[in-house]
């Protein structure tokens, strides 16, 4: 395949690769982030004086972290699906052009 479509396909592939990396990276980072944070919150939970406050902060922290990482993950999935869809449309258009 030569010409401008080759370059377009290449960029669509790069976009899909980066977007998949965003999605999977966000999933893994969320897991690590929450795991590390839980260690600190467990220490605070073991101290009676800090237990009530740390439980509230933990719930808020985890909620915000989940929304943040899930948003990045969703953006990655949407971009990857968009690139795949654009690639499919480009292939169909190219096929239509060769048939006529």
PDB file of N, CA and C in Angstrom:
ATOM      1  N   UNK A   1       0.861  -1.173   0.000  1.00  0.00           N
ATOM      2  CA  UNK A   1       0.000   0.000   0.000  1.00  0.00           C
ATOM      3  C   UNK A   1       0.899   1.225   0.000  1.00  0.00           C
ATOM      4  N   UNK A   2       0.691   2.079  -0.968  1.00  0.00           N
ATOM      5  CA  UNK A   2       1.486   3.295  -1.068  1.00  0.00           C
ATOM      6  C   UNK A   2       0.553   4.488  -1.085  1.00  0.00           C
ATOM      7  N   UNK A   3       1.118   5.660  -0.916  1.00  0.00           N
ATOM      8  CA  UNK A   3       0.328   6.873  -0.988  1.00  0.00           C
ATOM      9  C   UNK A   3      -0.110   7.356   0.382  1.00  0.00           C
ATOM     10  N   UNK A   4      -1.022   8.319   0.390  1.00  0.00           N
ATOM     11  CA  UNK A   4      -1.426   8.943   1.655  1.00  0.00           C
ATOM     12  C   UNK A   4      -2.165   7.997   2.592  1.00  0.00           C
ATOM     13  N   UNK A   5      -2.849   6.972   2.045  1.00  0.00           N
ATOM     14  CA  UNK A   5      -3.567   6.039   2.914  1.00  0.00           C
ATOM     15  C   UNK A   5      -2.613   5.244   3.794  1.00  0.00           C
ATOM     16  N   UNK A   6      -1.431   4.924   3.276  1.00  0.00           N
ATOM     17  CA  UNK A   6      -0.436   4.198   4.054  1.00  0.00           C
ATOM     18  C   UNK A   6      -0.045   5.002   5.289  1.00  0.00           C
ATOM     19  N   UNK A   7       0.201   6.279   5.104  1.00  0.00           N
ATOM     20  CA  UNK A   7       0.560   7.153   6.217  1.00  0.00           C
ATOM     21  C   UNK A   7      -0.599   7.271   7.210  1.00  0.00           C
ATOM     22  N   UNK A   8      -1.801   7.355   6.705  1.00  0.00           N
ATOM     23  CA  UNK A   8      -2.981   7.444   7.575  1.00  0.00           C
ATOM     24  C   UNK A   8      -3.137   6.170   8.398  1.00  0.00           C
ATOM     25  N   UNK A   9      -2.980   5.032   7.756  1.00  0.00           N
ATOM     26  CA  UNK A   9      -3.087   3.759   8.473  1.00  0.00           C
ATOM     27  C   UNK A   9      -2.035   3.664   9.566  1.00  0.00           C
ATOM     28  N   UNK A  10      -0.827   4.126   9.262  1.00  0.00           N
ATOM     29  CA  UNK A  10       0.254   4.082  10.242  1.00  0.00           C
ATOM     30  C   UNK A  10      -0.118   4.921  11.470  1.00  0.00           C
ATOM     31  N   UNK A  11      -0.600   6.142  11.227  1.00  0.00           N
ATOM     32  CA  UNK A  11      -0.968   7.018  12.348  1.00  0.00           C
ATOM     33  C   UNK A  11      -2.162   6.463  13.124  1.00  0.00           C
ATOM     34  N   UNK A  12      -3.104   5.858  12.443  1.00  0.00           N
ATOM     35  CA  UNK A  12      -4.225   5.227  13.144  1.00  0.00           C
ATOM     36  C   UNK A  12      -3.727   4.086  14.019  1.00  0.00           C
ATOM     37  N   UNK A  13      -2.764   3.335  13.519  1.00  0.00           N
ATOM     38  CA  UNK A  13      -2.180   2.254  14.318  1.00  0.00           C
ATOM     39  C   UNK A  13      -1.448   2.775  15.540  1.00  0.00           C
ATOM     40  N   UNK A  14      -0.676   3.834  15.353  1.00  0.00           N
ATOM     41  CA  UNK A  14       0.035   4.443  16.480  1.00  0.00           C
ATOM     42  C   UNK A  14      -0.964   4.968  17.506  1.00  0.00           C
ATOM     43  N   UNK A  15      -2.013   5.616  17.032  1.00  0.00           N
ATOM     44  CA  UNK A  15      -3.040   6.151  17.929  1.00  0.00           C
ATOM     45  C   UNK A  15      -3.694   5.038  18.727  1.00  0.00           C
ATOM     46  N   UNK A  16      -4.013   3.954  18.052  1.00  0.00           N
ATOM     47  CA  UNK A  16      -4.647   2.828  18.746  1.00  0.00           C
ATOM     48  C   UNK A  16      -3.701   2.213  19.783  1.00  0.00           C
ATOM     49  N   UNK A  17      -2.435   2.100  19.433  1.00  0.00           N
ATOM     50  CA  UNK A  17      -1.443   1.550  20.349  1.00  0.00           C
ATOM     51  C   UNK A  17      -1.303   2.420  21.603  1.00  0.00           C
ATOM     52  N   UNK A  18      -1.193   3.729  21.410  1.00  0.00           N
ATOM     53  CA  UNK A  18      -1.059   4.649  22.543  1.00  0.00           C
ATOM     54  C   UNK A  18      -2.319   4.628  23.405  1.00  0.00           C
ATOM     55  N   UNK A  19      -3.475   4.596  22.757  1.00  0.00           N
ATOM     56  CA  UNK A  19      -4.733   4.581  23.497  1.00  0.00           C
ATOM     57  C   UNK A  19      -4.883   3.303  24.318  1.00  0.00           C
ATOM     58  N   UNK A  20      -4.495   2.168  23.741  1.00  0.00           N
ATOM     59  CA  UNK A  20      -4.545   0.910  24.504  1.00  0.00           C
ATOM     60  C   UNK A  20      -3.593   0.978  25.696  1.00  0.00           C
ATOM     61  N   UNK A  21      -2.427   1.588  25.486  1.00  0.00           N
ATOM     62  CA  UNK A  21      -1.480   1.776  26.588  1.00  0.00           C
ATOM     63  C   UNK A  21      -2.056   2.648  27.681  1.00  0.00           C
ATOM     64  N   UNK A  22      -2.779   3.704  27.289  1.00  0.00           N
ATOM     65  CA  UNK A  22      -3.445   4.564  28.280  1.00  0.00           C
ATOM     66  C   UNK A  22      -4.431   3.756  29.110  1.00  0.00           C
ATOM     67  N   UNK A  23      -5.254   2.987  28.422  1.00  0.00           N
ATOM     68  CA  UNK A  23      -6.289   2.207  29.107  1.00  0.00           C
ATOM     69  C   UNK A  23      -5.666   1.208  30.080  1.00  0.00           C
ATOM     70  N   UNK A  24      -4.760   0.385  29.593  1.00  0.00           N
ATOM     71  CA  UNK A  24      -4.180  -0.654  30.443  1.00  0.00           C
ATOM     72  C   UNK A  24      -3.275  -0.058  31.524  1.00  0.00           C
ATOM     73  N   UNK A  25      -2.565   1.007  31.185  1.00  0.00           N
ATOM     74  CA  UNK A  25      -1.725   1.673  32.179  1.00  0.00           C
ATOM     75  C   UNK A  25      -2.545   2.243  33.319  1.00  0.00           C
ATOM     76  N   UNK A  26      -3.683   2.864  32.988  1.00  0.00           N
ATOM     77  CA  UNK A  26      -4.541   3.432  34.026  1.00  0.00           C
ATOM     78  C   UNK A  26      -5.101   2.345  34.939  1.00  0.00           C
ATOM     79  N   UNK A  27      -5.465   1.209  34.369  1.00  0.00           N
ATOM     80  CA  UNK A  27      -5.991   0.102  35.178  1.00  0.00           C
ATOM     81  C   UNK A  27      -4.926  -0.385  36.160  1.00  0.00           C
ATOM     82  N   UNK A  28      -3.708  -0.570  35.660  1.00  0.00           N
ATOM     83  CA  UNK A  28      -2.619  -1.070  36.520  1.00  0.00           C
ATOM     84  C   UNK A  28      -2.225  -0.034  37.565  1.00  0.00           C
ATOM     85  N   UNK A  29      -2.109   1.228  37.160  1.00  0.00           N
ATOM     86  CA  UNK A  29      -1.727   2.277  38.111  1.00  0.00           C
ATOM     87  C   UNK A  29      -2.761   2.459  39.212  1.00  0.00           C
ATOM     88  N   UNK A  30      -4.036   2.336  38.847  1.00  0.00           N
ATOM     89  CA  UNK A  30      -5.086   2.455  39.864  1.00  0.00           C
ATOM     90  C   UNK A  30      -4.922   1.369  40.919  1.00  0.00           C
ATOM     91  N   UNK A  31      -4.686   0.159  40.467  1.00  0.00           N
ATOM     92  CA  UNK A  31      -4.518  -0.967  41.389  1.00  0.00           C
ATOM     93  C   UNK A  31      -3.323  -0.729  42.328  1.00  0.00           C
ATOM     94  N   UNK A  32      -2.204  -0.289  41.768  1.00  0.00           N
ATOM     95  CA  UNK A  32      -1.004  -0.032  42.578  1.00  0.00           C
ATOM     96  C   UNK A  32      -1.242   1.129  43.535  1.00  0.00           C
ATOM     97  N   UNK A  33      -1.820   2.218  43.030  1.00  0.00           N
ATOM     98  CA  UNK A  33      -2.075   3.408  43.842  1.00  0.00           C
ATOM     99  C   UNK A  33      -2.947   3.071  45.049  1.00  0.00           C
ATOM    100  N   UNK A  34      -4.047   2.375  44.809  1.00  0.00           N
ATOM    101  CA  UNK A  34      -4.959   2.046  45.907  1.00  0.00           C
ATOM    102  C   UNK A  34      -4.315   1.073  46.895  1.00  0.00           C
ATOM    103  N   UNK A  35      -3.501   0.168  46.393  1.00  0.00           N
ATOM    104  CA  UNK A  35      -2.817  -0.785  47.267  1.00  0.00           C
ATOM    105  C   UNK A  35      -1.827  -0.074  48.186  1.00  0.00           C
ATOM    106  N   UNK A  36      -1.056   0.839  47.637  1.00  0.00           N
ATOM    107  CA  UNK A  36      -0.091   1.588  48.450  1.00  0.00           C
ATOM    108  C   UNK A  36      -0.823   2.471  49.457  1.00  0.00           C
ATOM    109  N   UNK A  37      -1.881   3.125  49.013  1.00  0.00           N
ATOM    110  CA  UNK A  37      -2.643   3.993  49.919  1.00  0.00           C
ATOM    111  C   UNK A  37      -3.263   3.182  51.053  1.00  0.00           C
ATOM    112  N   UNK A  38      -3.727   1.971  50.747  1.00  0.00           N
ATOM    113  CA  UNK A  38      -4.330   1.128  51.790  1.00  0.00           C
ATOM    114  C   UNK A  38      -3.354   0.815  52.915  1.00  0.00           C
ATOM    115  N   UNK A  39      -2.080   0.690  52.589  1.00  0.00           N
ATOM    116  CA  UNK A  39      -1.097   0.434  53.651  1.00  0.00           C
ATOM    117  C   UNK A  39      -1.055   1.584  54.648  1.00  0.00           C
ATOM    118  N   UNK A  40      -1.047   2.799  54.150  1.00  0.00           N
ATOM    119  CA  UNK A  40      -1.056   3.968  55.050  1.00  0.00           C
ATOM    120  C   UNK A  40      -2.355   4.050  55.835  1.00  0.00           C
ATOM    121  N   UNK A  41      -3.455   3.795  55.154  1.00  0.00           N
ATOM    122  CA  UNK A  41      -4.746   3.876  55.849  1.00  0.00           C
ATOM    123  C   UNK A  41      -4.901   2.773  56.895  1.00  0.00           C
ATOM    124  N   UNK A  42      -4.298   1.618  56.666  1.00  0.00           N
ATOM    125  CA  UNK A  42      -4.330   0.550  57.682  1.00  0.00           C
ATOM    126  C   UNK A  42      -3.582   0.970  58.949  1.00  0.00           C
ATOM    127  N   UNK A  43      -2.470   1.659  58.773  1.00  0.00           N
ATOM    128  CA  UNK A  43      -1.716   2.154  59.939  1.00  0.00           C
ATOM    129  C   UNK A  43      -2.569   3.150  60.718  1.00  0.00           C
ATOM    130  N   UNK A  44      -3.181   4.083  59.999  1.00  0.00           N
ATOM    131  CA  UNK A  44      -4.021   5.077  60.667  1.00  0.00           C
ATOM    132  C   UNK A  44      -5.258   4.441  61.297  1.00  0.00           C
ATOM    133  N   UNK A  45      -5.758   3.381  60.692  1.00  0.00           N
ATOM    134  CA  UNK A  45      -6.931   2.690  61.228  1.00  0.00           C
ATOM    135  C   UNK A  45      -6.595   1.935  62.519  1.00  0.00           C
ATOM    136  N   UNK A  46      -5.343   1.590  62.700  1.00  0.00           N
ATOM    137  CA  UNK A  46      -4.933   0.866  63.911  1.00  0.00           C
ATOM    138  C   UNK A  46      -4.816   1.787  65.123  1.00  0.00           C
ATOM    139  N   UNK A  47      -4.789   3.088  64.899  1.00  0.00           N
ATOM    140  CA  UNK A  47      -4.672   4.061  65.994  1.00  0.00           C
ATOM    141  C   UNK A  47      -6.074   4.582  66.310  1.00  0.00           C
ATOM    142  N   UNK A  48      -6.569   4.331  67.528  1.00  0.00           N
ATOM    143  CA  UNK A  48      -7.949   4.728  67.852  1.00  0.00           C
ATOM    144  C   UNK A  48      -8.239   6.213  67.633  1.00  0.00           C
ATOM    145  N   UNK A  49      -7.276   7.074  67.907  1.00  0.00           N
ATOM    146  CA  UNK A  49      -7.515   8.515  67.777  1.00  0.00           C
ATOM    147  C   UNK A  49      -7.670   8.963  66.322  1.00  0.00           C
ATOM    148  N   UNK A  50      -7.020   8.267  65.411  1.00  0.00           N
ATOM    149  CA  UNK A  50      -7.082   8.670  63.997  1.00  0.00           C
ATOM    150  C   UNK A  50      -8.067   7.836  63.177  1.00  0.00           C
ATOM    151  N   UNK A  51      -8.625   6.783  63.788  1.00  0.00           N
ATOM    152  CA  UNK A  51      -9.486   5.854  63.049  1.00  0.00           C
ATOM    153  C   UNK A  51     -10.687   6.526  62.375  1.00  0.00           C
ATOM    154  N   UNK A  52     -11.507   7.307  63.095  1.00  0.00           N
ATOM    155  CA  UNK A  52     -12.704   7.872  62.427  1.00  0.00           C
ATOM    156  C   UNK A  52     -12.362   8.791  61.251  1.00  0.00           C
ATOM    157  N   UNK A  53     -11.396   9.655  61.458  1.00  0.00           N
ATOM    158  CA  UNK A  53     -11.012  10.571  60.383  1.00  0.00           C
ATOM    159  C   UNK A  53     -10.371   9.862  59.206  1.00  0.00           C
ATOM    160  N   UNK A  54      -9.524   8.874  59.507  1.00  0.00           N
ATOM    161  CA  UNK A  54      -8.832   8.179  58.416  1.00  0.00           C
ATOM    162  C   UNK A  54      -9.802   7.355  57.570  1.00  0.00           C
ATOM    163  N   UNK A  55     -10.841   6.835  58.191  1.00  0.00           N
ATOM    164  CA  UNK A  55     -11.831   6.065  57.408  1.00  0.00           C
ATOM    165  C   UNK A  55     -12.564   6.969  56.427  1.00  0.00           C
ATOM    166  N   UNK A  56     -12.915   8.155  56.863  1.00  0.00           N
ATOM    167  CA  UNK A  56     -13.592   9.109  55.984  1.00  0.00           C
ATOM    168  C   UNK A  56     -12.658   9.548  54.850  1.00  0.00           C
ATOM    169  N   UNK A  57     -11.422   9.858  55.206  1.00  0.00           N
ATOM    170  CA  UNK A  57     -10.454  10.286  54.201  1.00  0.00           C
ATOM    171  C   UNK A  57     -10.182   9.153  53.209  1.00  0.00           C
ATOM    172  N   UNK A  58     -10.113   7.913  53.711  1.00  0.00           N
ATOM    173  CA  UNK A  58      -9.870   6.761  52.834  1.00  0.00           C
ATOM    174  C   UNK A  58     -10.985   6.618  51.803  1.00  0.00           C
ATOM    175  N   UNK A  59     -12.228   6.730  52.249  1.00  0.00           N
ATOM    176  CA  UNK A  59     -13.363   6.617  51.325  1.00  0.00           C
ATOM    177  C   UNK A  59     -13.293   7.717  50.261  1.00  0.00           C
ATOM    178  N   UNK A  60     -13.029   8.954  50.699  1.00  0.00           N
ATOM    179  CA  UNK A  60     -12.921  10.067  49.740  1.00  0.00           C
ATOM    180  C   UNK A  60     -11.744   9.861  48.788  1.00  0.00           C
ATOM    181  N   UNK A  61     -10.598   9.501  49.340  1.00  0.00           N
ATOM    182  CA  UNK A  61      -9.401   9.286  48.527  1.00  0.00           C
ATOM    183  C   UNK A  61      -9.635   8.217  47.471  1.00  0.00           C
ATOM    184  N   UNK A  62     -10.151   7.081  47.906  1.00  0.00           N
ATOM    185  CA  UNK A  62     -10.356   5.976  46.972  1.00  0.00           C
ATOM    186  C   UNK A  62     -11.403   6.326  45.911  1.00  0.00           C
ATOM    187  N   UNK A  63     -12.440   7.036  46.311  1.00  0.00           N
ATOM    188  CA  UNK A  63     -13.466   7.441  45.346  1.00  0.00           C
ATOM    189  C   UNK A  63     -12.902   8.364  44.280  1.00  0.00           C
ATOM    190  N   UNK A  64     -12.133   9.355  44.704  1.00  0.00           N
ATOM    191  CA  UNK A  64     -11.539  10.304  43.755  1.00  0.00           C
ATOM    192  C   UNK A  64     -10.523   9.589  42.863  1.00  0.00           C
ATOM    193  N   UNK A  65      -9.702   8.731  43.459  1.00  0.00           N
ATOM    194  CA  UNK A  65      -8.698   7.999  42.671  1.00  0.00           C
ATOM    195  C   UNK A  65      -9.377   7.111  41.637  1.00  0.00           C
ATOM    196  N   UNK A  66     -10.437   6.425  42.034  1.00  0.00           N
ATOM    197  CA  UNK A  66     -11.135   5.540  41.085  1.00  0.00           C
ATOM    198  C   UNK A  66     -11.727   6.334  39.927  1.00  0.00           C
ATOM    199  N   UNK A  67     -12.361   7.455  40.234  1.00  0.00           N
ATOM    200  CA  UNK A  67     -12.944   8.278  39.171  1.00  0.00           C
ATOM    201  C   UNK A  67     -11.848   8.781  38.234  1.00  0.00           C
ATOM    202  N   UNK A  68     -10.732   9.209  38.793  1.00  0.00           N
ATOM    203  CA  UNK A  68      -9.638   9.731  37.973  1.00  0.00           C
ATOM    204  C   UNK A  68      -9.064   8.660  37.052  1.00  0.00           C
ATOM    205  N   UNK A  69      -8.690   7.528  37.605  1.00  0.00           N
ATOM    206  CA  UNK A  69      -8.100   6.462  36.785  1.00  0.00           C
ATOM    207  C   UNK A  69      -9.107   5.873  35.807  1.00  0.00           C
ATOM    208  N   UNK A  70     -10.358   5.739  36.235  1.00  0.00           N
ATOM    209  CA  UNK A  70     -11.380   5.209  35.326  1.00  0.00           C
ATOM    210  C   UNK A  70     -11.638   6.164  34.169  1.00  0.00           C
ATOM    211  N   UNK A  71     -11.527   7.473  34.423  1.00  0.00           N
ATOM    212  CA  UNK A  71     -11.709   8.455  33.349  1.00  0.00           C
ATOM    213  C   UNK A  71     -10.601   8.327  32.307  1.00  0.00           C
ATOM    214  N   UNK A  72      -9.371   8.176  32.758  1.00  0.00           N
ATOM    215  CA  UNK A  72      -8.246   7.993  31.828  1.00  0.00           C
ATOM    216  C   UNK A  72      -8.412   6.689  31.060  1.00  0.00           C
ATOM    217  N   UNK A  73      -8.814   5.633  31.755  1.00  0.00           N
ATOM    218  CA  UNK A  73      -9.026   4.343  31.112  1.00  0.00           C
ATOM    219  C   UNK A  73     -10.119   4.434  30.046  1.00  0.00           C
ATOM    220  N   UNK A  74     -11.212   5.095  30.378  1.00  0.00           N
ATOM    221  CA  UNK A  74     -12.317   5.255  29.431  1.00  0.00           C
ATOM    222  C   UNK A  74     -11.869   6.063  28.220  1.00  0.00           C
ATOM    223  N   UNK A  75     -11.122   7.129  28.455  1.00  0.00           N
ATOM    224  CA  UNK A  75     -10.625   7.940  27.337  1.00  0.00           C
ATOM    225  C   UNK A  75      -9.759   7.093  26.415  1.00  0.00           C
ATOM    226  N   UNK A  76      -8.913   6.257  26.987  1.00  0.00           N
ATOM    227  CA  UNK A  76      -8.080   5.379  26.174  1.00  0.00           C
ATOM    228  C   UNK A  76      -8.898   4.414  25.345  1.00  0.00           C
ATOM    229  N   UNK A  77      -9.926   3.839  25.967  1.00  0.00           N
ATOM    230  CA  UNK A  77     -10.777   2.901  25.225  1.00  0.00           C
ATOM    231  C   UNK A  77     -11.528   3.600  24.100  1.00  0.00           C
ATOM    232  N   UNK A  78     -12.038   4.801  24.360  1.00  0.00           N
ATOM    233  CA  UNK A  78     -12.789   5.542  23.347  1.00  0.00           C
ATOM    234  C   UNK A  78     -11.880   5.908  22.171  1.00  0.00           C
ATOM    235  N   UNK A  79     -10.666   6.360  22.481  1.00  0.00           N
ATOM    236  CA  UNK A  79      -9.724   6.720  21.415  1.00  0.00           C
ATOM    237  C   UNK A  79      -9.349   5.487  20.601  1.00  0.00           C
ATOM    238  N   UNK A  80      -9.094   4.363  21.271  1.00  0.00           N
ATOM    239  CA  UNK A  80      -8.732   3.125  20.564  1.00  0.00           C
ATOM    240  C   UNK A  80      -9.873   2.669  19.665  1.00  0.00           C
ATOM    241  N   UNK A  81     -11.089   2.719  20.171  1.00  0.00           N
ATOM    242  CA  UNK A  81     -12.236   2.311  19.353  1.00  0.00           C
ATOM    243  C   UNK A  81     -12.439   3.261  18.186  1.00  0.00           C
ATOM    244  N   UNK A  82     -12.206   4.551  18.411  1.00  0.00           N
ATOM    245  CA  UNK A  82     -12.317   5.528  17.327  1.00  0.00           C
ATOM    246  C   UNK A  82     -11.286   5.286  16.244  1.00  0.00           C
ATOM    247  N   UNK A  83     -10.055   4.984  16.654  1.00  0.00           N
ATOM    248  CA  UNK A  83      -9.000   4.702  15.672  1.00  0.00           C
ATOM    249  C   UNK A  83      -9.318   3.426  14.899  1.00  0.00           C
ATOM    250  N   UNK A  84      -9.796   2.408  15.586  1.00  0.00           N
ATOM    251  CA  UNK A  84     -10.149   1.152  14.906  1.00  0.00           C
ATOM    252  C   UNK A  84     -11.289   1.375  13.922  1.00  0.00           C
ATOM    253  N   UNK A  85     -12.275   2.163  14.338  1.00  0.00           N
ATOM    254  CA  UNK A  85     -13.411   2.460  13.471  1.00  0.00           C
ATOM    255  C   UNK A  85     -12.969   3.267  12.250  1.00  0.00           C
ATOM    256  N   UNK A  86     -12.102   4.239  12.462  1.00  0.00           N
ATOM    257  CA  UNK A  86     -11.601   5.042  11.343  1.00  0.00           C
ATOM    258  C   UNK A  86     -10.800   4.174  10.383  1.00  0.00           C
ATOM    259  N   UNK A  87     -10.010   3.258  10.928  1.00  0.00           N
ATOM    260  CA  UNK A  87      -9.249   2.350  10.074  1.00  0.00           C
ATOM    261  C   UNK A  87     -10.155   1.464   9.242  1.00  0.00           C
ATOM    262  N   UNK A  88     -11.224   0.979   9.842  1.00  0.00           N
ATOM    263  CA  UNK A  88     -12.175   0.130   9.113  1.00  0.00           C
ATOM    264  C   UNK A  88     -12.874   0.930   8.010  1.00  0.00           C
ATOM    265  N   UNK A  89     -13.262   2.156   8.331  1.00  0.00           N
ATOM    266  CA  UNK A  89     -13.912   3.001   7.321  1.00  0.00           C
ATOM    267  C   UNK A  89     -12.947   3.304   6.168  1.00  0.00           C
ATOM    268  N   UNK A  90     -11.686   3.555   6.506  1.00  0.00           N
ATOM    269  CA  UNK A  90     -10.687   3.829   5.483  1.00  0.00           C
ATOM    270  C   UNK A  90     -10.488   2.606   4.587  1.00  0.00           C
ATOM    271  N   UNK A  91     -10.451   1.421   5.179  1.00  0.00           N
ATOM    272  CA  UNK A  91     -10.287   0.191   4.397  1.00  0.00           C
ATOM    273  C   UNK A  91     -11.488  -0.029   3.483  1.00  0.00           C
ATOM    274  N   UNK A  92     -12.685   0.237   3.980  1.00  0.00           N
ATOM    275  CA  UNK A  92     -13.885   0.081   3.148  1.00  0.00           C
ATOM    276  C   UNK A  92     -13.866   1.074   1.992  1.00  0.00           C
ATOM    277  N   UNK A  93     -13.460   2.296   2.280  1.00  0.00           N
ATOM    278  CA  UNK A  93     -13.406   3.322   1.236  1.00  0.00           C
ATOM    279  C   UNK A  93     -12.385   2.922   0.167  1.00  0.00           C
ATOM    280  N   UNK A  94     -11.246   2.402   0.617  1.00  0.00           N
ATOM    281  CA  UNK A  94     -10.207   1.990  -0.314  1.00  0.00           C
ATOM    282  C   UNK A  94     -10.714   0.819  -1.173  1.00  0.00           C
ATOM    283  N   UNK A  95     -11.453  -0.098  -0.550  1.00  0.00           N
ATOM    284  CA  UNK A  95     -12.002  -1.234  -1.278  1.00  0.00           C
ATOM    285  C   UNK A  95     -13.020  -0.759  -2.317  1.00  0.00           C
ATOM    286  N   UNK A  96     -13.880   0.190  -1.920  1.00  0.00           N
ATOM    287  CA  UNK A  96     -14.860   0.741  -2.864  1.00  0.00           C
ATOM    288  C   UNK A  96     -14.181   1.421  -4.051  1.00  0.00           C
ATOM    289  N   UNK A  97     -13.064   2.085  -3.789  1.00  0.00           N
ATOM    290  CA  UNK A  97     -12.356   2.787  -4.859  1.00  0.00           C
ATOM    291  C   UNK A  97     -11.709   1.800  -5.849  1.00  0.00           C
ATOM    292  N   UNK A  98     -11.275   0.639  -5.340  1.00  0.00           N
ATOM    293  CA  UNK A  98     -10.642  -0.332  -6.242  1.00  0.00           C
ATOM    294  C   UNK A  98     -11.676  -1.121  -7.037  1.00  0.00           C
ATOM    295  N   UNK A  99     -12.898  -1.224  -6.538  1.00  0.00           N
ATOM    296  CA  UNK A  99     -13.949  -1.956  -7.241  1.00  0.00           C
ATOM    297  C   UNK A  99     -14.529  -1.156  -8.399  1.00  0.00           C
ATOM    298  N   UNK A 100     -14.462   0.169  -8.308  1.00  0.00           N
ATOM    299  CA  UNK A 100     -15.069   0.989  -9.368  1.00  0.00           C
ATOM    300  C   UNK A 100     -14.115   1.282 -10.487  1.00  0.00           C
TER     301      UNK A 100
END
